Amino acid sequence: MNKIIECVPNFSEGRDLSKVEKIVDSFRGKEGVKLLDYSSDKDHNRMVVTVVGEPVALKNAVLEAIGTAVGIIDLTRHEGQHPRMGAVDVVPFIPVKNVTMEEAVALSKEVAQEVASRYELPVFLYEKSATASHRENLASVRKGEFEGLFNKMQLPEWQSDFGPTLPHPTAGAVAIGARTFLIAYNVNLNTTNLEIADKIAGKVRFSGGGLRFCKAMGVDLKEKNMVQVSMNLTDYTKTAIYQAVEMIRFEAAQYGVSIAGGELIGLVPLEALVDTAAYYLGLENFSIQQVLESHLNAPAAI
C-alpha cells in the first residue's frame, strides 16, 4: 500500500455474533484493505473494527459495511451501556502513511455523501471534518442518543450535514469525520457501584477538570459483576495511559475500591506502551529506540 488510511468504525451490535460477522465480512478479502482487529462486548452492546487501506478501496469496504449494518441492526430494540445514536454510530478516518489530514477529511466527506444518498441515513460531520465548532466533539453530536435524535434534529443547529432531515427509523444517524489517533482504554473496578465509577470518570475527564486529553464515563459491566471507567485518550503523547490509570487509582482509593484490570479496545501505538512500561518499571532515559522491534523495519545502517 502506498497511501494508508485507518478507519475505526463503531457498530451498535455486540451480542449477536452472527450479525457481528456479517458486518466484519465487508472488510475480509478486499484488495487494498487489511482488517487489523475487531472486538465486541455484550455490556456495551457495541463492536469496534480497526481496518487500514488505500483510500478508494477502504471507502468501498466501509460503505459496504455500513449498508450491512443499516440492514440488520434495529436501534428500536437495542440497549447497552455505551451511548449511541446510530446502528453505525461513528466512522473516523485517521491518516497513517503518505496521507495528509486534509486528504482524510476529503475522504470522510466523500463517504458521508455516499452514505446519505445510498442508505437515506443522516450524517453529521465531526472532529476535523466538522462544519461548525459545536459539532467537533463526538459527545456533543451524540448527546440525546437515538431516543432523542428526532427532537434534536428539529433544531436548526442540529440539521444533518448530508441526508434526510429526520433520523432513519431503525438506524438513526451516523457521525463521520477525520481525526488523529486515539486510544480506547478502560479500567475495571472491584465494585458493582456504578455511582462510584461515574464520580471517578467525572474527575478524570477533561470536562470535569481532569486530564486534558481524556474523555471518560462510568459503565456497568453486568457480565463481569463490576463497573468500569471507560476512556478515550485523544492525544496519548500529552495524556499517557499510565497518567489516566494512576488518577483513577487515586480517586478510587477514597471509596475503598481498587483497580481490577484494564481493557484495550482496538489497537495502540507502540510508543504509548513504551511510555507506560518506562513509568511502571522506573526506567531512566528509556526510549522507543531501545525496543528491538523498532529497528526491524528501519533502513540498514550505512
C-alpha atoms as a PDB file:
ATOM      1  CA  MET A   1       0.000   0.000   0.000  1.00  0.00           C
ATOM      2  CA  ASN A   2       1.280   3.454  -0.908  1.00  0.00           C
ATOM      3  CA  LYS A   3      -1.275   5.706   0.782  1.00  0.00           C
ATOM      4  CA  ILE A   4      -2.633   4.241   4.011  1.00  0.00           C
ATOM      5  CA  ILE A   5      -5.642   5.466   5.972  1.00  0.00           C
ATOM      6  CA  GLU A   6      -7.000   3.817   9.094  1.00  0.00           C
ATOM      7  CA  CYS A   7     -10.718   3.576   9.798  1.00  0.00           C
ATOM      8  CA  VAL A   8     -12.230   2.561  13.146  1.00  0.00           C
ATOM      9  CA  PRO A   9     -15.997   2.252  12.638  1.00  0.00           C
ATOM     10  CA  ASN A  10     -18.165   1.544  15.697  1.00  0.00           C
ATOM     11  CA  PHE A  11     -21.296  -0.542  15.231  1.00  0.00           C
ATOM     12  CA  SER A  12     -24.167  -0.839  17.716  1.00  0.00           C
ATOM     13  CA  GLU A  13     -24.096  -4.611  17.967  1.00  0.00           C
ATOM     14  CA  GLY A  14     -22.089  -6.663  20.437  1.00  0.00           C
ATOM     15  CA  ARG A  15     -24.360  -9.550  21.372  1.00  0.00           C
ATOM     16  CA  ASP A  16     -25.466 -11.279  18.172  1.00  0.00           C
ATOM     17  CA  LEU A  17     -22.224 -12.728  16.823  1.00  0.00           C
ATOM     18  CA  SER A  18     -23.814 -13.706  13.515  1.00  0.00           C
ATOM     19  CA  LYS A  19     -24.557 -10.032  12.864  1.00  0.00           C
ATOM     20  CA  VAL A  20     -21.060  -9.076  14.002  1.00  0.00           C
ATOM     21  CA  GLU A  21     -19.516 -11.476  11.499  1.00  0.00           C
ATOM     22  CA  LYS A  22     -21.762 -10.296   8.648  1.00  0.00           C
ATOM     23  CA  ILE A  23     -20.563  -6.741   9.175  1.00  0.00           C
ATOM     24  CA  VAL A  24     -16.911  -7.724   9.511  1.00  0.00           C
ATOM     25  CA  ASP A  25     -17.139  -9.799   6.315  1.00  0.00           C
ATOM     26  CA  SER A  26     -17.308  -6.492   4.429  1.00  0.00           C
ATOM     27  CA  PHE A  27     -13.614  -5.982   5.237  1.00  0.00           C
ATOM     28  CA  ARG A  28     -12.393  -9.502   4.522  1.00  0.00           C
ATOM     29  CA  GLY A  29     -10.738 -10.497   1.245  1.00  0.00           C
ATOM     30  CA  LYS A  30     -10.764  -6.992  -0.216  1.00  0.00           C
ATOM     31  CA  GLU A  31      -7.788  -5.921  -2.308  1.00  0.00           C
ATOM     32  CA  GLY A  32      -6.185  -2.783  -0.887  1.00  0.00           C
ATOM     33  CA  VAL A  33      -7.808  -3.307   2.523  1.00  0.00           C
ATOM     34  CA  LYS A  34      -6.465  -5.078   5.609  1.00  0.00           C
ATOM     35  CA  LEU A  35      -8.620  -5.982   8.604  1.00  0.00           C
ATOM     36  CA  LEU A  36      -6.440  -5.494  11.682  1.00  0.00           C
ATOM     37  CA  ASP A  37      -8.796  -6.097  14.589  1.00  0.00           C
ATOM     38  CA  TYR A  38     -12.409  -6.273  15.729  1.00  0.00           C
ATOM     39  CA  SER A  39     -13.914  -6.733  19.149  1.00  0.00           C
ATOM     40  CA  SER A  40     -17.436  -6.811  20.543  1.00  0.00           C
ATOM     41  CA  ASP A  41     -18.808  -6.504  24.064  1.00  0.00           C
ATOM     42  CA  LYS A  42     -22.162  -7.642  25.423  1.00  0.00           C
ATOM     43  CA  ASP A  43     -22.423  -4.990  28.147  1.00  0.00           C
ATOM     44  CA  HIS A  44     -21.588  -2.132  25.796  1.00  0.00           C
ATOM     45  CA  ASN A  45     -23.536  -3.932  23.023  1.00  0.00           C
ATOM     46  CA  ARG A  46     -21.071  -2.498  20.560  1.00  0.00           C
ATOM     47  CA  MET A  47     -18.398  -3.598  18.110  1.00  0.00           C
ATOM     48  CA  VAL A  48     -15.271  -1.716  17.123  1.00  0.00           C
ATOM     49  CA  VAL A  49     -13.433  -2.575  13.903  1.00  0.00           C
ATOM     50  CA  THR A  50      -9.911  -1.454  13.011  1.00  0.00           C
ATOM     51  CA  VAL A  51      -9.041  -1.548   9.331  1.00  0.00           C
ATOM     52  CA  VAL A  52      -6.465   0.108   7.092  1.00  0.00           C
ATOM     53  CA  GLY A  53      -6.325   0.533   3.354  1.00  0.00           C
ATOM     54  CA  GLU A  54      -5.789   2.585   0.246  1.00  0.00           C
ATOM     55  CA  PRO A  55      -8.344   5.442   0.127  1.00  0.00           C
ATOM     56  CA  VAL A  56     -10.624   4.144  -2.655  1.00  0.00           C
ATOM     57  CA  ALA A  57     -10.559   0.503  -1.556  1.00  0.00           C
ATOM     58  CA  LEU A  58     -11.155   1.499   2.064  1.00  0.00           C
ATOM     59  CA  LYS A  59     -14.031   3.764   1.076  1.00  0.00           C
ATOM     60  CA  ASN A  60     -15.788   0.940  -0.786  1.00  0.00           C
ATOM     61  CA  ALA A  61     -15.351  -1.533   2.076  1.00  0.00           C
ATOM     62  CA  VAL A  62     -16.635   0.949   4.653  1.00  0.00           C
ATOM     63  CA  LEU A  63     -19.677   1.730   2.502  1.00  0.00           C
ATOM     64  CA  GLU A  64     -20.449  -1.979   2.222  1.00  0.00           C
ATOM     65  CA  ALA A  65     -20.146  -2.464   5.993  1.00  0.00           C
ATOM     66  CA  ILE A  66     -22.421   0.495   6.692  1.00  0.00           C
ATOM     67  CA  GLY A  67     -25.034  -0.859   4.310  1.00  0.00           C
ATOM     68  CA  THR A  68     -24.921  -4.253   6.009  1.00  0.00           C
ATOM     69  CA  ALA A  69     -25.257  -2.708   9.470  1.00  0.00           C
ATOM     70  CA  VAL A  70     -28.178  -0.493   8.455  1.00  0.00           C
ATOM     71  CA  GLY A  71     -29.958  -3.565   7.133  1.00  0.00           C
ATOM     72  CA  ILE A  72     -29.551  -5.796  10.188  1.00  0.00           C
ATOM     73  CA  ILE A  73     -29.369  -3.517  13.262  1.00  0.00           C
ATOM     74  CA  ASP A  74     -32.603  -2.141  14.718  1.00  0.00           C
ATOM     75  CA  LEU A  75     -31.996   0.529  17.343  1.00  0.00           C
ATOM     76  CA  THR A  76     -35.625   0.467  18.458  1.00  0.00           C
ATOM     77  CA  ARG A  77     -34.717  -2.911  20.015  1.00  0.00           C
ATOM     78  CA  HIS A  78     -31.183  -2.006  21.077  1.00  0.00           C
ATOM     79  CA  GLU A  79     -29.960  -1.449  24.610  1.00  0.00           C
ATOM     80  CA  GLY A  80     -26.459  -1.277  26.035  1.00  0.00           C
ATOM     81  CA  GLN A  81     -24.162   0.660  28.325  1.00  0.00           C
ATOM     82  CA  HIS A  82     -22.442   2.662  25.605  1.00  0.00           C
ATOM     83  CA  PRO A  83     -24.047   5.859  24.252  1.00  0.00           C
ATOM     84  CA  ARG A  84     -25.176   5.534  20.615  1.00  0.00           C
ATOM     85  CA  MET A  85     -27.245   7.408  18.079  1.00  0.00           C
ATOM     86  CA  GLY A  86     -26.876   5.085  15.120  1.00  0.00           C
ATOM     87  CA  ALA A  87     -26.644   1.480  14.002  1.00  0.00           C
ATOM     88  CA  VAL A  88     -23.307   2.657  12.655  1.00  0.00           C
ATOM     89  CA  ASP A  89     -22.501   5.104  15.415  1.00  0.00           C
ATOM     90  CA  VAL A  90     -19.250   6.714  14.348  1.00  0.00           C
ATOM     91  CA  VAL A  91     -16.834   6.323  11.430  1.00  0.00           C
ATOM     92  CA  PRO A  92     -13.466   8.039  11.929  1.00  0.00           C
ATOM     93  CA  PHE A  93     -10.697   8.184   9.314  1.00  0.00           C
ATOM     94  CA  ILE A  94      -7.106   8.582  10.506  1.00  0.00           C
ATOM     95  CA  PRO A  95      -4.162   9.382   8.196  1.00  0.00           C
ATOM     96  CA  VAL A  96      -1.340   6.855   8.652  1.00  0.00           C
ATOM     97  CA  LYS A  97       1.127   6.906   5.735  1.00  0.00           C
ATOM     98  CA  ASN A  98       1.616   9.331   2.832  1.00  0.00           C
ATOM     99  CA  VAL A  99      -1.792  10.867   3.585  1.00  0.00           C
ATOM    100  CA  THR A 100      -2.482  14.349   4.946  1.00  0.00           C
ATOM    101  CA  MET A 101      -5.247  15.242   7.348  1.00  0.00           C
ATOM    102  CA  GLU A 102      -6.814  17.274   4.528  1.00  0.00           C
ATOM    103  CA  GLU A 103      -6.992  14.126   2.388  1.00  0.00           C
ATOM    104  CA  ALA A 104      -8.561  12.205   5.264  1.00  0.00           C
ATOM    105  CA  VAL A 105     -11.154  14.963   5.658  1.00  0.00           C
ATOM    106  CA  ALA A 106     -11.920  14.846   1.929  1.00  0.00           C
ATOM    107  CA  LEU A 107     -12.377  11.060   2.082  1.00  0.00           C
ATOM    108  CA  SER A 108     -14.681  11.353   5.089  1.00  0.00           C
ATOM    109  CA  LYS A 109     -16.885  13.784   3.194  1.00  0.00           C
ATOM    110  CA  GLU A 110     -16.990  11.531   0.127  1.00  0.00           C
ATOM    111  CA  VAL A 111     -18.099   8.625   2.301  1.00  0.00           C
ATOM    112  CA  ALA A 112     -20.636  10.838   4.100  1.00  0.00           C
ATOM    113  CA  GLN A 113     -22.255  11.955   0.848  1.00  0.00           C
ATOM    114  CA  GLU A 114     -22.452   8.399  -0.464  1.00  0.00           C
ATOM    115  CA  VAL A 115     -23.865   7.032   2.807  1.00  0.00           C
ATOM    116  CA  ALA A 116     -26.571   9.687   2.825  1.00  0.00           C
ATOM    117  CA  SER A 117     -27.669   9.080  -0.753  1.00  0.00           C
ATOM    118  CA  ARG A 118     -27.285   5.297  -0.837  1.00  0.00           C
ATOM    119  CA  TYR A 119     -28.852   4.429   2.537  1.00  0.00           C
ATOM    120  CA  GLU A 120     -31.007   7.508   3.283  1.00  0.00           C
ATOM    121  CA  LEU A 121     -29.073   7.904   6.509  1.00  0.00           C
ATOM    122  CA  PRO A 122     -28.493  11.322   8.126  1.00  0.00           C
ATOM    123  CA  VAL A 123     -24.801  12.131   8.515  1.00  0.00           C
ATOM    124  CA  PHE A 124     -23.123  14.529  10.945  1.00  0.00           C
ATOM    125  CA  LEU A 125     -19.547  15.538  10.173  1.00  0.00           C
ATOM    126  CA  TYR A 126     -17.391  15.716  13.304  1.00  0.00           C
ATOM    127  CA  GLU A 127     -13.812  16.336  14.536  1.00  0.00           C
ATOM    128  CA  LYS A 128     -11.560  17.726  11.743  1.00  0.00           C
ATOM    129  CA  SER A 129     -14.423  17.372   9.231  1.00  0.00           C
ATOM    130  CA  ALA A 130     -16.951  19.332  11.302  1.00  0.00           C
ATOM    131  CA  THR A 131     -18.810  22.183   9.618  1.00  0.00           C
ATOM    132  CA  ALA A 132     -19.214  24.112  12.890  1.00  0.00           C
ATOM    133  CA  SER A 133     -17.332  24.232  16.171  1.00  0.00           C
ATOM    134  CA  HIS A 134     -20.234  22.805  18.196  1.00  0.00           C
ATOM    135  CA  ARG A 135     -20.108  19.650  16.031  1.00  0.00           C
ATOM    136  CA  GLU A 136     -16.419  18.840  16.580  1.00  0.00           C
ATOM    137  CA  ASN A 137     -16.868  16.880  19.814  1.00  0.00           C
ATOM    138  CA  LEU A 138     -18.467  13.465  19.261  1.00  0.00           C
ATOM    139  CA  ALA A 139     -20.082  13.583  22.705  1.00  0.00           C
ATOM    140  CA  SER A 140     -21.961  16.747  21.693  1.00  0.00           C
ATOM    141  CA  VAL A 141     -23.075  15.253  18.385  1.00  0.00           C
ATOM    142  CA  ARG A 142     -24.285  12.074  20.076  1.00  0.00           C
ATOM    143  CA  LYS A 143     -25.927  13.755  23.081  1.00  0.00           C
ATOM    144  CA  GLY A 144     -29.541  12.634  23.426  1.00  0.00           C
ATOM    145  CA  GLU A 145     -28.699   9.381  21.644  1.00  0.00           C
ATOM    146  CA  PHE A 146     -31.079   7.571  19.301  1.00  0.00           C
ATOM    147  CA  GLU A 147     -34.107   8.163  21.506  1.00  0.00           C
ATOM    148  CA  GLY A 148     -33.625  11.944  21.480  1.00  0.00           C
ATOM    149  CA  LEU A 149     -32.483  12.253  17.884  1.00  0.00           C
ATOM    150  CA  PHE A 150     -35.867  13.135  16.362  1.00  0.00           C
ATOM    151  CA  ASN A 151     -36.327  16.173  18.620  1.00  0.00           C
ATOM    152  CA  LYS A 152     -32.671  17.166  18.347  1.00  0.00           C
ATOM    153  CA  MET A 153     -32.792  17.260  14.561  1.00  0.00           C
ATOM    154  CA  GLN A 154     -35.705  19.694  14.689  1.00  0.00           C
ATOM    155  CA  LEU A 155     -33.271  22.321  15.954  1.00  0.00           C
ATOM    156  CA  PRO A 156     -31.612  24.473  13.253  1.00  0.00           C
ATOM    157  CA  GLU A 157     -28.161  23.932  14.769  1.00  0.00           C
ATOM    158  CA  TRP A 158     -28.540  20.157  14.550  1.00  0.00           C
ATOM    159  CA  GLN A 159     -29.659  19.645  10.987  1.00  0.00           C
ATOM    160  CA  SER A 160     -27.699  16.853   9.305  1.00  0.00           C
ATOM    161  CA  ASP A 161     -24.786  17.744   7.052  1.00  0.00           C
ATOM    162  CA  PHE A 162     -25.889  15.174   4.480  1.00  0.00           C
ATOM    163  CA  GLY A 163     -29.007  13.106   4.001  1.00  0.00           C
ATOM    164  CA  PRO A 164     -32.518  13.241   5.458  1.00  0.00           C
ATOM    165  CA  THR A 165     -33.594  15.892   7.944  1.00  0.00           C
ATOM    166  CA  LEU A 166     -35.103  13.194  10.178  1.00  0.00           C
ATOM    167  CA  PRO A 167     -33.485  10.074  11.681  1.00  0.00           C
ATOM    168  CA  HIS A 168     -33.574   6.753   9.889  1.00  0.00           C
ATOM    169  CA  PRO A 169     -36.393   4.834  11.650  1.00  0.00           C
ATOM    170  CA  THR A 170     -34.189   1.915  12.743  1.00  0.00           C
ATOM    171  CA  ALA A 171     -30.615   3.057  12.074  1.00  0.00           C
ATOM    172  CA  GLY A 172     -30.724   6.598  13.485  1.00  0.00           C
ATOM    173  CA  ALA A 173     -27.819   8.690  12.214  1.00  0.00           C
ATOM    174  CA  VAL A 174     -24.054   8.406  11.884  1.00  0.00           C
ATOM    175  CA  ALA A 175     -21.108  10.660  12.716  1.00  0.00           C
ATOM    176  CA  ILE A 176     -18.332  10.587  10.106  1.00  0.00           C
ATOM    177  CA  GLY A 177     -15.085  12.514  10.194  1.00  0.00           C
ATOM    178  CA  ALA A 178     -11.304  12.610  10.225  1.00  0.00           C
ATOM    179  CA  ARG A 179      -9.237  12.742  13.404  1.00  0.00           C
ATOM    180  CA  THR A 180      -5.870  11.960  14.905  1.00  0.00           C
ATOM    181  CA  PHE A 181      -5.162   8.632  16.583  1.00  0.00           C
ATOM    182  CA  LEU A 182      -6.816   7.944  19.944  1.00  0.00           C
ATOM    183  CA  ILE A 183      -6.538   5.144  22.464  1.00  0.00           C
ATOM    184  CA  ALA A 184      -9.673   3.484  23.794  1.00  0.00           C
ATOM    185  CA  TYR A 185      -8.688   2.184  27.222  1.00  0.00           C
ATOM    186  CA  ASN A 186     -10.978   1.025  30.019  1.00  0.00           C
ATOM    187  CA  VAL A 187     -10.241   0.442  33.693  1.00  0.00           C
ATOM    188  CA  ASN A 188     -12.313  -2.115  35.606  1.00  0.00           C
ATOM    189  CA  LEU A 189     -13.039  -1.539  39.304  1.00  0.00           C
ATOM    190  CA  ASN A 190     -13.587  -4.030  42.112  1.00  0.00           C
ATOM    191  CA  THR A 191     -17.105  -2.837  42.878  1.00  0.00           C
ATOM    192  CA  THR A 192     -20.622  -3.081  41.472  1.00  0.00           C
ATOM    193  CA  ASN A 193     -21.432   0.504  42.448  1.00  0.00           C
ATOM    194  CA  LEU A 194     -21.929   2.440  39.210  1.00  0.00           C
ATOM    195  CA  GLU A 195     -22.154   5.730  41.087  1.00  0.00           C
ATOM    196  CA  ILE A 196     -18.517   5.334  42.116  1.00  0.00           C
ATOM    197  CA  ALA A 197     -17.421   4.758  38.511  1.00  0.00           C
ATOM    198  CA  ASP A 198     -19.449   7.798  37.399  1.00  0.00           C
ATOM    199  CA  LYS A 199     -17.842  10.007  40.048  1.00  0.00           C
ATOM    200  CA  ILE A 200     -14.336   8.843  39.173  1.00  0.00           C
ATOM    201  CA  ALA A 201     -14.966   9.349  35.462  1.00  0.00           C
ATOM    202  CA  GLY A 202     -16.180  12.863  36.227  1.00  0.00           C
ATOM    203  CA  LYS A 203     -12.906  13.663  37.975  1.00  0.00           C
ATOM    204  CA  VAL A 204     -10.664  12.085  35.344  1.00  0.00           C
ATOM    205  CA  ARG A 205     -12.159  13.559  32.171  1.00  0.00           C
ATOM    206  CA  PHE A 206     -11.156  16.999  30.965  1.00  0.00           C
ATOM    207  CA  SER A 207     -14.689  18.404  31.067  1.00  0.00           C
ATOM    208  CA  GLY A 208     -14.721  17.682  34.817  1.00  0.00           C
ATOM    209  CA  GLY A 209     -11.369  19.342  35.440  1.00  0.00           C
ATOM    210  CA  GLY A 210      -9.257  16.247  34.875  1.00  0.00           C
ATOM    211  CA  LEU A 211      -6.729  15.191  32.254  1.00  0.00           C
ATOM    212  CA  ARG A 212      -6.603  17.419  29.176  1.00  0.00           C
ATOM    213  CA  PHE A 213      -6.931  14.734  26.523  1.00  0.00           C
ATOM    214  CA  CYS A 214      -9.214  12.317  28.324  1.00  0.00           C
ATOM    215  CA  LYS A 215     -12.896  11.550  27.832  1.00  0.00           C
ATOM    216  CA  ALA A 216     -14.416   9.184  30.387  1.00  0.00           C
ATOM    217  CA  MET A 217     -17.683   7.695  31.580  1.00  0.00           C
ATOM    218  CA  GLY A 218     -18.815   5.060  34.063  1.00  0.00           C
ATOM    219  CA  VAL A 219     -20.115   1.742  32.707  1.00  0.00           C
ATOM    220  CA  ASP A 220     -21.932  -1.104  34.457  1.00  0.00           C
ATOM    221  CA  LEU A 221     -20.387  -4.456  33.446  1.00  0.00           C
ATOM    222  CA  LYS A 222     -23.126  -6.824  34.496  1.00  0.00           C
ATOM    223  CA  GLU A 223     -21.499  -9.766  32.712  1.00  0.00           C
ATOM    224  CA  LYS A 224     -18.368  -9.307  34.855  1.00  0.00           C
ATOM    225  CA  ASN A 225     -20.170  -8.204  38.030  1.00  0.00           C
ATOM    226  CA  MET A 226     -18.175  -4.973  38.288  1.00  0.00           C
ATOM    227  CA  VAL A 227     -18.098  -1.437  36.960  1.00  0.00           C
ATOM    228  CA  GLN A 228     -15.718   0.314  34.624  1.00  0.00           C
ATOM    229  CA  VAL A 229     -14.276   3.721  33.805  1.00  0.00           C
ATOM    230  CA  SER A 230     -14.366   3.746  30.001  1.00  0.00           C
ATOM    231  CA  MET A 231     -11.969   6.240  28.402  1.00  0.00           C
ATOM    232  CA  ASN A 232     -10.837   7.733  25.112  1.00  0.00           C
ATOM    233  CA  LEU A 233      -7.363   9.245  25.266  1.00  0.00           C
ATOM    234  CA  THR A 234      -7.426  11.649  22.330  1.00  0.00           C
ATOM    235  CA  ASP A 235      -3.716  12.543  22.390  1.00  0.00           C
ATOM    236  CA  TYR A 236      -1.602   9.869  24.067  1.00  0.00           C
ATOM    237  CA  THR A 237       1.569  11.977  23.687  1.00  0.00           C
ATOM    238  CA  LYS A 238       0.107  14.533  26.115  1.00  0.00           C
ATOM    239  CA  THR A 239      -2.150  12.326  28.267  1.00  0.00           C
ATOM    240  CA  ALA A 240      -0.465   8.958  28.756  1.00  0.00           C
ATOM    241  CA  ILE A 241      -2.187   5.693  29.660  1.00  0.00           C
ATOM    242  CA  TYR A 242      -0.346   5.499  32.984  1.00  0.00           C
ATOM    243  CA  GLN A 243      -1.474   9.015  33.944  1.00  0.00           C
ATOM    244  CA  ALA A 244      -5.123   8.065  33.459  1.00  0.00           C
ATOM    245  CA  VAL A 245      -4.704   4.753  35.315  1.00  0.00           C
ATOM    246  CA  GLU A 246      -2.957   6.345  38.283  1.00  0.00           C
ATOM    247  CA  MET A 247      -5.527   9.123  38.560  1.00  0.00           C
ATOM    248  CA  ILE A 248      -8.298   6.515  38.607  1.00  0.00           C
ATOM    249  CA  ARG A 249      -6.394   4.539  41.245  1.00  0.00           C
ATOM    250  CA  PHE A 250      -6.032   7.688  43.378  1.00  0.00           C
ATOM    251  CA  GLU A 251      -9.711   8.647  43.083  1.00  0.00           C
ATOM    252  CA  ALA A 252     -10.898   5.065  43.706  1.00  0.00           C
ATOM    253  CA  ALA A 253      -8.931   4.779  46.946  1.00  0.00           C
ATOM    254  CA  GLN A 254     -11.210   7.236  48.736  1.00  0.00           C
ATOM    255  CA  TYR A 255     -14.100   4.805  48.186  1.00  0.00           C
ATOM    256  CA  GLY A 256     -12.071   1.800  49.303  1.00  0.00           C
ATOM    257  CA  VAL A 257     -12.085   0.486  45.734  1.00  0.00           C
ATOM    258  CA  SER A 258      -9.168  -0.986  43.794  1.00  0.00           C
ATOM    259  CA  ILE A 259      -8.444  -1.500  40.099  1.00  0.00           C
ATOM    260  CA  ALA A 260      -9.361  -4.981  38.889  1.00  0.00           C
ATOM    261  CA  GLY A 261      -7.722  -4.715  35.475  1.00  0.00           C
ATOM    262  CA  GLY A 262      -7.520  -2.830  32.212  1.00  0.00           C
ATOM    263  CA  GLU A 263      -9.027  -3.335  28.790  1.00  0.00           C
ATOM    264  CA  LEU A 264      -7.674  -2.078  25.471  1.00  0.00           C
ATOM    265  CA  ILE A 265     -10.198  -1.660  22.648  1.00  0.00           C
ATOM    266  CA  GLY A 266      -8.677  -1.893  19.192  1.00  0.00           C
ATOM    267  CA  LEU A 267      -5.020  -1.143  18.547  1.00  0.00           C
ATOM    268  CA  VAL A 268      -2.467   1.000  20.339  1.00  0.00           C
ATOM    269  CA  PRO A 269       0.766   2.656  19.149  1.00  0.00           C
ATOM    270  CA  LEU A 270       3.955   1.037  20.455  1.00  0.00           C
ATOM    271  CA  GLU A 271       5.134   4.420  21.726  1.00  0.00           C
ATOM    272  CA  ALA A 272       2.181   4.592  24.141  1.00  0.00           C
ATOM    273  CA  LEU A 273       3.104   1.220  25.635  1.00  0.00           C
ATOM    274  CA  VAL A 274       6.777   2.160  25.869  1.00  0.00           C
ATOM    275  CA  ASP A 275       5.914   5.272  27.887  1.00  0.00           C
ATOM    276  CA  THR A 276       3.727   3.237  30.229  1.00  0.00           C
ATOM    277  CA  ALA A 277       6.315   0.472  30.643  1.00  0.00           C
ATOM    278  CA  ALA A 278       9.017   3.035  31.396  1.00  0.00           C
ATOM    279  CA  TYR A 279       6.835   4.589  34.093  1.00  0.00           C
ATOM    280  CA  TYR A 280       5.890   1.374  35.884  1.00  0.00           C
ATOM    281  CA  LEU A 281       9.380  -0.155  35.617  1.00  0.00           C
ATOM    282  CA  GLY A 282      11.056   3.047  36.736  1.00  0.00           C
ATOM    283  CA  LEU A 283      13.376   3.072  33.721  1.00  0.00           C
ATOM    284  CA  GLU A 284      15.639   6.076  33.376  1.00  0.00           C
ATOM    285  CA  ASN A 285      16.189   7.720  29.979  1.00  0.00           C
ATOM    286  CA  PHE A 286      14.285   4.910  28.262  1.00  0.00           C
ATOM    287  CA  SER A 287      13.095   5.437  24.697  1.00  0.00           C
ATOM    288  CA  ILE A 288      11.424   3.504  21.909  1.00  0.00           C
ATOM    289  CA  GLN A 289      14.844   3.179  20.271  1.00  0.00           C
ATOM    290  CA  GLN A 290      15.676   0.588  22.942  1.00  0.00           C
ATOM    291  CA  VAL A 291      12.840  -1.642  21.753  1.00  0.00           C
ATOM    292  CA  LEU A 292      14.092  -4.357  19.397  1.00  0.00           C
ATOM    293  CA  GLU A 293      11.061  -4.270  17.108  1.00  0.00           C
ATOM    294  CA  SER A 294      11.508  -0.567  16.428  1.00  0.00           C
ATOM    295  CA  HIS A 295      14.670  -1.399  14.468  1.00  0.00           C
ATOM    296  CA  LEU A 296      13.384  -4.323  12.426  1.00  0.00           C
ATOM    297  CA  ASN A 297      11.739  -2.198   9.734  1.00  0.00           C
ATOM    298  CA  ALA A 298      14.309   0.582   9.860  1.00  0.00           C
ATOM    299  CA  PRO A 299      16.724   1.069   6.943  1.00  0.00           C
ATOM    300  CA  ALA A 300      20.028  -0.735   7.347  1.00  0.00           C
ATOM    301  CA  ALA A 301      22.893   1.354   8.675  1.00  0.00           C
ATOM    302  CA  ILE A 302      25.270   2.679   6.039  1.00  0.00           C
END
